[in-house]
Amino acid sequence: MDIKPGLPATDNFQHWDPWRTLVVETARRVLEYTGGTLVMPMTVLVQSYWREISDGLSAHGIPIQHLYSTPTRPRSATVYRTIRT
């Protein structure tokens, strides 16, 4: 994909500011179109990013039921270390 101007280099697309706004806007529009309940499985490890998304959803009156799980026996030490930091 050739995007001009180029996107900033990052190892995680969640660091791009537009991503978090688009999550909220996409959820709002899908619910506006379909109604009902929207299930959005996500892993957001940066607390300020989660706050930005959850505050945005709340601002549009979209109820949130946040479920959190932590591996007890991780398959990979890297996964466990990433989640714990």
Protein backbone atom coordinates (compact mmCIF):
# COMPACT_ATOMS: atom_id res chain seq x y z
CA MET A 1 0.00 0.00 0.00
CA ASP A 2 1.40 3.37 -0.97
CA ILE A 3 0.12 6.05 1.41
CA LYS A 4 1.24 9.64 0.85
CA PRO A 5 2.48 11.14 3.07
CA GLY A 6 3.83 7.96 4.61
CA LEU A 7 2.71 6.78 8.00
CA PRO A 8 5.21 7.18 10.83
CA ALA A 9 7.33 4.13 11.45
CA THR A 10 6.16 2.10 14.44
CA ASP A 11 6.12 -1.46 15.69
CA ASN A 12 2.45 -1.13 16.72
CA PHE A 13 -0.35 0.41 14.66
CA GLN A 14 -2.10 1.40 17.90
CA HIS A 15 0.51 4.15 18.28
CA TRP A 16 -0.98 5.94 15.25
CA ASP A 17 -3.34 8.61 16.60
CA PRO A 18 -6.00 8.05 13.89
CA TRP A 19 -6.39 4.37 14.83
CA ARG A 20 -8.02 5.11 18.18
CA THR A 21 -10.38 7.68 16.69
CA LEU A 22 -11.33 5.26 13.93
CA VAL A 23 -12.14 2.51 16.45
CA VAL A 24 -14.67 4.80 18.13
CA GLU A 25 -16.11 6.16 14.88
CA THR A 26 -16.41 2.70 13.33
CA ALA A 27 -18.20 1.35 16.40
CA ARG A 28 -20.57 4.33 16.42
CA ARG A 29 -21.43 3.93 12.75
CA VAL A 30 -21.88 0.15 12.89
CA LEU A 31 -24.25 0.48 15.86
CA GLU A 32 -26.10 3.33 14.16
CA TYR A 33 -26.60 1.12 11.11
CA THR A 34 -27.34 -2.22 12.78
CA GLY A 35 -28.45 -1.45 16.32
CA GLY A 36 -28.13 -4.16 18.93
CA THR A 37 -24.94 -5.18 20.64
CA LEU A 38 -21.45 -4.80 19.25
CA VAL A 39 -18.68 -7.13 20.39
CA MET A 40 -15.19 -5.70 19.84
CA PRO A 41 -12.40 -8.06 20.84
CA MET A 42 -9.24 -6.01 21.26
CA THR A 43 -5.96 -6.10 23.07
CA VAL A 44 -5.03 -2.58 24.11
CA LEU A 45 -1.97 -2.65 26.34
CA VAL A 46 -1.40 1.11 26.64
CA GLN A 47 -3.70 2.41 29.36
CA SER A 48 -4.01 5.92 27.90
CA TYR A 49 -5.09 4.40 24.56
CA TRP A 50 -7.78 2.34 26.30
CA ARG A 51 -8.97 5.46 28.14
CA GLU A 52 -9.16 7.37 24.85
CA ILE A 53 -11.22 4.60 23.22
CA SER A 54 -13.51 3.95 26.21
CA ASP A 55 -14.07 7.69 26.79
CA GLY A 56 -14.94 8.09 23.10
CA LEU A 57 -17.41 5.21 23.19
CA SER A 58 -18.99 6.57 26.38
CA ALA A 59 -19.27 10.05 24.85
CA HIS A 60 -21.48 8.52 22.14
CA GLY A 61 -23.57 6.65 24.72
CA ILE A 62 -22.14 3.28 23.72
CA PRO A 63 -22.20 0.99 26.76
CA ILE A 64 -19.00 -0.87 27.57
CA GLN A 65 -18.61 -4.19 29.29
CA HIS A 66 -14.86 -4.60 29.68
CA LEU A 67 -13.54 -8.13 30.09
CA TYR A 68 -9.93 -8.73 31.03
CA SER A 69 -7.97 -11.95 31.06
CA THR A 70 -4.43 -12.76 32.07
CA PRO A 71 -2.68 -15.97 31.10
CA THR A 72 -1.78 -18.16 34.06
CA ARG A 73 0.49 -20.40 32.05
CA PRO A 74 1.63 -18.40 29.05
CA ARG A 75 2.84 -20.25 26.01
CA SER A 76 5.43 -17.61 25.50
CA ALA A 77 7.41 -15.60 28.01
CA THR A 78 7.28 -12.69 25.55
CA VAL A 79 3.46 -12.65 25.60
CA TYR A 80 3.37 -12.73 29.37
CA ARG A 81 6.04 -10.02 29.69
CA THR A 82 4.19 -7.79 27.18
CA ILE A 83 0.92 -8.06 29.05
CA ARG A 84 2.49 -7.46 32.45
CA THR A 85 4.27 -4.23 31.42
